[in-house]
Protein backbone atom coordinates (compact mmCIF):
# COMPACT_ATOMS: atom_id res chain seq x y z
CA UNK A 1 -40.49 19.64 -41.76
CA UNK A 2 -38.32 20.05 -44.84
CA UNK A 3 -39.45 16.73 -46.30
CA UNK A 4 -42.90 18.23 -46.94
CA UNK A 5 -41.61 21.32 -48.73
CA UNK A 6 -41.60 21.49 -52.51
CA UNK A 7 -37.84 21.93 -53.00
CA UNK A 8 -36.80 18.74 -51.18
CA UNK A 9 -39.71 16.79 -52.70
CA UNK A 10 -38.72 17.87 -56.22
CA UNK A 11 -35.14 16.83 -55.54
CA UNK A 12 -36.32 13.40 -54.37
CA UNK A 13 -38.47 12.93 -57.49
CA UNK A 14 -35.62 13.94 -59.82
CA UNK A 15 -33.18 11.74 -57.88
CA UNK A 16 -35.50 8.75 -58.25
CA UNK A 17 -35.91 9.31 -61.98
CA UNK A 18 -32.28 10.10 -62.82
CA UNK A 19 -30.95 7.23 -64.91
CA UNK A 20 -34.02 5.12 -64.08
CA UNK A 21 -36.18 4.52 -67.16
CA UNK A 22 -38.73 2.47 -65.19
CA UNK A 23 -39.23 5.25 -62.62
CA UNK A 24 -39.73 7.78 -65.44
CA UNK A 25 -42.36 5.53 -67.01
CA UNK A 26 -44.11 5.25 -63.65
CA UNK A 27 -44.00 9.03 -63.31
CA UNK A 28 -45.57 9.48 -66.75
CA UNK A 29 -48.28 6.93 -66.05
CA UNK A 30 -49.01 8.54 -62.67
CA UNK A 31 -49.22 11.94 -64.37
CA UNK A 32 -51.53 10.60 -67.08
CA UNK A 33 -53.92 9.38 -64.42
CA UNK A 34 -53.75 12.26 -61.95
CA UNK A 35 -52.53 15.33 -63.87
CA UNK A 36 -54.06 14.99 -67.35
CA UNK A 37 -50.72 14.37 -69.04
CA UNK A 38 -48.62 17.19 -67.60
CA UNK A 39 -45.19 15.66 -66.97
CA UNK A 40 -42.95 18.39 -65.56
CA UNK A 41 -42.33 17.71 -61.86
CA UNK A 42 -41.82 21.40 -61.08
CA UNK A 43 -45.41 22.20 -62.01
CA UNK A 44 -46.86 19.72 -59.51
CA UNK A 45 -47.77 20.59 -55.94
CA UNK A 46 -46.33 19.02 -52.81
CA UNK A 47 -49.22 16.59 -52.32
CA UNK A 48 -48.84 15.27 -55.86
CA UNK A 49 -45.08 14.76 -55.46
CA UNK A 50 -45.50 13.03 -52.09
CA UNK A 51 -48.23 10.75 -53.40
CA UNK A 52 -46.07 9.73 -56.35
CA UNK A 53 -43.11 8.94 -54.09
CA UNK A 54 -45.36 6.91 -51.77
CA UNK A 55 -46.84 5.04 -54.74
CA UNK A 56 -43.46 3.92 -56.06
CA UNK A 57 -43.09 1.24 -53.42
CA UNK A 58 -46.23 -0.60 -54.51
CA UNK A 59 -47.55 -1.89 -57.80
CA UNK A 60 -50.53 0.45 -58.07
CA UNK A 61 -49.15 2.49 -60.97
CA UNK A 62 -50.18 0.94 -64.30
CA UNK A 63 -47.69 0.60 -67.18
CA UNK A 64 -46.96 3.64 -69.32
CA UNK A 65 -47.56 3.05 -73.02
CA UNK A 66 -46.39 6.35 -74.44
CA UNK A 67 -43.09 7.97 -75.29
CA UNK A 68 -41.09 9.71 -72.58
CA UNK A 69 -41.48 13.46 -72.88
CA UNK A 70 -38.38 15.33 -73.97
CA UNK A 71 -37.91 17.01 -70.58
CA UNK A 72 -37.44 13.61 -68.91
CA UNK A 73 -35.24 11.93 -71.52
CA UNK A 74 -31.60 11.06 -70.93
CA UNK A 75 -29.11 9.32 -73.25
CA UNK A 76 -29.39 6.17 -71.10
CA UNK A 77 -33.09 5.89 -72.08
CA UNK A 78 -32.25 4.77 -75.62
């Protein structure tokens, strides 16, 4: 199915984060835990993207205490 392919998964991740500071912080925290601080969604595999999207609905992602990386920042984040 398309929903398990990288292109559609990347689109879903970017759609979730667009204009959503809290979702970006969750992404960064998730990446800190599972990807050693790499934050670019395009570098992650399908399983990583799917796991992040599944994790958003719960409260299992701890708070992010850093600064959003430049590649995720939007004017609405300030």
